[in-house]
N, C-alpha and C. Protein backbone atom coordinates (compact mmCIF):
# COMPACT_ATOMS: atom_id res chain seq x y z
N MET A 1 5.74 27.31 -3.76
CA MET A 1 5.51 26.68 -4.96
C MET A 1 6.03 27.36 -6.16
N ILE A 2 6.17 28.60 -5.96
CA ILE A 2 6.71 29.30 -7.26
C ILE A 2 8.28 28.91 -7.61
N THR A 3 8.87 28.66 -6.72
CA THR A 3 10.25 28.02 -6.92
C THR A 3 10.25 26.85 -7.60
N ILE A 4 9.42 25.99 -7.27
CA ILE A 4 9.39 24.65 -7.92
C ILE A 4 8.99 24.99 -9.54
N LYS A 5 8.04 25.68 -9.72
CA LYS A 5 7.55 25.91 -11.01
C LYS A 5 8.76 26.57 -11.80
N ARG A 6 9.59 27.57 -11.15
CA ARG A 6 10.73 28.07 -11.79
C ARG A 6 11.86 27.17 -12.13
N PHE A 7 12.04 26.07 -11.17
CA PHE A 7 12.86 25.06 -11.40
C PHE A 7 12.39 24.27 -12.53
N ILE A 8 11.22 23.86 -12.69
CA ILE A 8 10.67 23.07 -13.96
C ILE A 8 10.89 23.67 -15.09
N ASP A 9 10.53 25.08 -15.19
CA ASP A 9 10.72 26.02 -16.37
C ASP A 9 12.13 26.01 -16.75
N LYS A 10 13.14 26.05 -15.65
CA LYS A 10 14.51 26.12 -16.00
C LYS A 10 15.08 24.81 -16.76
N VAL A 11 14.80 23.59 -16.24
CA VAL A 11 15.07 22.30 -16.66
C VAL A 11 14.61 22.27 -18.10
N SER A 12 13.38 22.75 -18.40
CA SER A 12 12.79 22.65 -19.70
C SER A 12 13.59 23.38 -20.69
N LEU A 13 13.85 24.63 -20.19
CA LEU A 13 14.70 25.66 -21.07
C LEU A 13 15.96 24.95 -21.51
N ILE A 14 16.73 24.44 -20.39
CA ILE A 14 17.97 23.75 -20.60
C ILE A 14 17.91 22.60 -21.43
N GLU A 15 16.78 21.85 -21.28
CA GLU A 15 16.69 20.65 -22.24
C GLU A 15 16.67 21.04 -23.67
N GLY A 16 16.01 22.10 -24.03
CA GLY A 16 15.83 22.73 -25.39
C GLY A 16 17.29 23.03 -25.91
N LYS A 17 18.06 23.49 -24.86
CA LYS A 17 19.45 23.80 -25.41
C LYS A 17 20.46 22.60 -25.50
N ARG A 18 20.03 21.56 -25.06
CA ARG A 18 20.92 20.28 -25.01
C ARG A 18 22.05 20.37 -24.24
N THR A 19 21.91 20.97 -23.04
CA THR A 19 22.78 21.16 -21.86
C THR A 19 22.62 20.08 -20.93
N ASN A 20 23.66 19.52 -20.36
CA ASN A 20 23.57 18.62 -19.38
C ASN A 20 23.45 18.98 -17.82
N THR A 21 23.74 20.40 -17.76
CA THR A 21 24.01 21.04 -16.44
C THR A 21 22.97 22.12 -15.92
N VAL A 22 22.27 21.93 -14.93
CA VAL A 22 21.56 22.95 -14.17
C VAL A 22 22.28 23.50 -13.13
N VAL A 23 22.35 24.82 -13.17
CA VAL A 23 23.01 25.58 -12.17
C VAL A 23 21.91 26.46 -11.49
N LEU A 24 22.09 26.44 -10.04
CA LEU A 24 21.08 27.00 -9.31
C LEU A 24 21.89 28.01 -8.11
N PRO A 25 21.76 29.07 -8.00
CA PRO A 25 22.21 29.79 -6.82
C PRO A 25 21.92 29.23 -5.59
N ILE A 26 22.84 29.35 -4.38
CA ILE A 26 22.45 28.53 -3.18
C ILE A 26 21.22 29.02 -2.67
N GLU A 27 20.85 30.33 -2.75
CA GLU A 27 19.61 30.83 -2.05
C GLU A 27 18.51 30.21 -2.84
N GLU A 28 18.44 30.08 -4.20
CA GLU A 28 17.26 29.51 -4.91
C GLU A 28 17.25 27.98 -4.44
N ALA A 29 18.49 27.34 -4.39
CA ALA A 29 18.47 25.88 -3.93
C ALA A 29 17.75 25.77 -2.56
N ARG A 30 18.17 26.55 -1.54
CA ARG A 30 17.61 26.46 -0.42
C ARG A 30 16.10 26.69 -0.34
N ILE A 31 15.56 27.71 -1.02
CA ILE A 31 14.02 27.82 -1.19
C ILE A 31 13.46 26.71 -1.65
N LEU A 32 14.02 26.04 -2.88
CA LEU A 32 13.47 24.83 -3.36
C LEU A 32 13.39 23.65 -2.45
N ARG A 33 14.39 23.48 -1.69
CA ARG A 33 14.59 22.54 -0.74
C ARG A 33 13.44 22.64 0.15
N ASP A 34 13.32 23.83 0.85
CA ASP A 34 12.14 24.27 1.84
C ASP A 34 10.85 23.90 1.24
N GLU A 35 10.53 24.25 0.04
CA GLU A 35 9.15 24.09 -0.68
C GLU A 35 8.96 22.60 -0.69
N LEU A 36 9.98 21.87 -1.18
CA LEU A 36 9.66 20.38 -1.48
C LEU A 36 9.54 19.79 -0.01
N ALA A 37 10.26 20.29 1.00
CA ALA A 37 10.13 19.43 2.40
C ALA A 37 8.79 19.78 2.83
N LYS A 38 8.45 21.09 2.59
CA LYS A 38 7.04 21.42 3.10
C LYS A 38 5.86 20.49 2.28
N LEU A 39 6.09 20.56 1.16
CA LEU A 39 5.07 19.71 0.41
C LEU A 39 5.00 18.23 0.83
N LEU A 40 6.25 17.68 1.08
CA LEU A 40 6.29 16.19 1.43
C LEU A 40 5.68 16.14 2.90
N ALA A 41 5.99 17.12 3.85
CA ALA A 41 5.48 16.97 5.07
C ALA A 41 3.82 17.25 5.11
N ASP A 42 3.38 18.05 4.36
CA ASP A 42 1.90 18.27 4.18
C ASP A 42 1.34 17.02 3.52
N ASN A 43 1.90 16.35 2.54
CA ASN A 43 1.28 15.22 2.02
C ASN A 43 1.34 14.12 2.98
N TYR A 44 2.45 13.87 3.80
CA TYR A 44 2.59 12.84 4.96
C TYR A 44 1.37 13.08 5.83
N GLU A 45 1.20 14.24 6.52
CA GLU A 45 0.24 14.72 7.33
C GLU A 45 -1.23 14.28 6.83
N LEU A 46 -1.50 14.74 5.45
CA LEU A 46 -2.75 14.50 4.87
C LEU A 46 -3.05 12.88 4.83
N LEU A 47 -2.04 12.28 4.44
CA LEU A 47 -2.24 10.78 4.45
C LEU A 47 -2.50 10.11 5.82
N ASN A 48 -1.78 10.69 6.85
CA ASN A 48 -2.16 10.00 8.05
C ASN A 48 -3.61 10.50 8.54
N LYS A 49 -4.04 11.67 8.17
CA LYS A 49 -5.34 11.96 8.53
C LYS A 49 -6.41 11.18 7.84
N GLN A 50 -6.11 10.69 6.63
CA GLN A 50 -7.00 9.98 5.94
C GLN A 50 -7.13 8.50 6.51
N ASN A 51 -5.89 7.96 6.90
CA ASN A 51 -5.88 6.70 7.43
C ASN A 51 -6.55 6.57 8.98
N LYS A 52 -6.66 7.75 9.52
CA LYS A 52 -7.41 7.87 10.95
C LYS A 52 -8.80 7.67 10.66
N ASN A 53 -9.20 8.46 9.63
CA ASN A 53 -10.75 8.61 9.30
C ASN A 53 -11.15 7.22 8.61
N ASP A 54 -10.38 6.36 8.43
CA ASP A 54 -10.85 4.96 7.70
C ASP A 54 -11.17 4.08 8.73
N GLN A 55 -11.50 4.45 9.96
CA GLN A 55 -11.80 3.55 11.12
C GLN A 55 -13.35 2.94 10.74
N VAL A 56 -13.51 1.76 11.11
CA VAL A 56 -14.82 1.00 10.88
C VAL A 56 -15.73 1.57 12.09
N ILE A 57 -16.90 2.17 11.61
CA ILE A 57 -18.07 2.48 12.87
C ILE A 57 -19.11 1.44 12.69
N GLN A 58 -19.62 0.88 13.48
CA GLN A 58 -20.63 0.02 13.38
C GLN A 58 -21.71 0.69 14.12
N VAL A 59 -22.84 0.71 13.30
CA VAL A 59 -24.21 1.13 13.65
C VAL A 59 -25.25 0.20 13.71
N GLU A 60 -26.01 0.09 14.98
CA GLU A 60 -27.09 -0.75 15.09
C GLU A 60 -28.30 -0.18 15.20
N ILE A 61 -29.38 -0.51 14.33
CA ILE A 61 -30.64 0.23 14.45
C ILE A 61 -31.58 -0.83 14.89
N ASN A 62 -32.51 -0.38 15.99
CA ASN A 62 -33.27 -1.39 16.62
C ASN A 62 -34.78 -0.85 16.14
N GLY A 63 -35.51 -1.48 15.63
CA GLY A 63 -36.93 -1.19 15.26
C GLY A 63 -37.80 -1.09 16.47
N GLY A 64 -37.27 -1.45 17.57
CA GLY A 64 -38.34 -1.40 18.80
C GLY A 64 -39.35 -2.35 18.67
N ASN A 65 -40.58 -2.04 18.95
CA ASN A 65 -41.90 -2.88 18.85
C ASN A 65 -42.44 -3.08 17.65
N TRP A 66 -41.78 -2.59 16.54
CA TRP A 66 -42.37 -2.93 15.22
C TRP A 66 -42.80 -4.24 15.01
């Protein structure tokens, strides 16, 4: 996540200088790609787990001889 934060900071800094180009070394770009891919995969997995937990469970309680 630190690379994503650095990227956001870099874009903010460049915006202040009114420049239209962001340059990343290839190694930094690869790490950024990997972090974004992991975040997306984790989010996808989390959403799928939530959908499985949304199953309807029917419970019937019988009072017996009351």
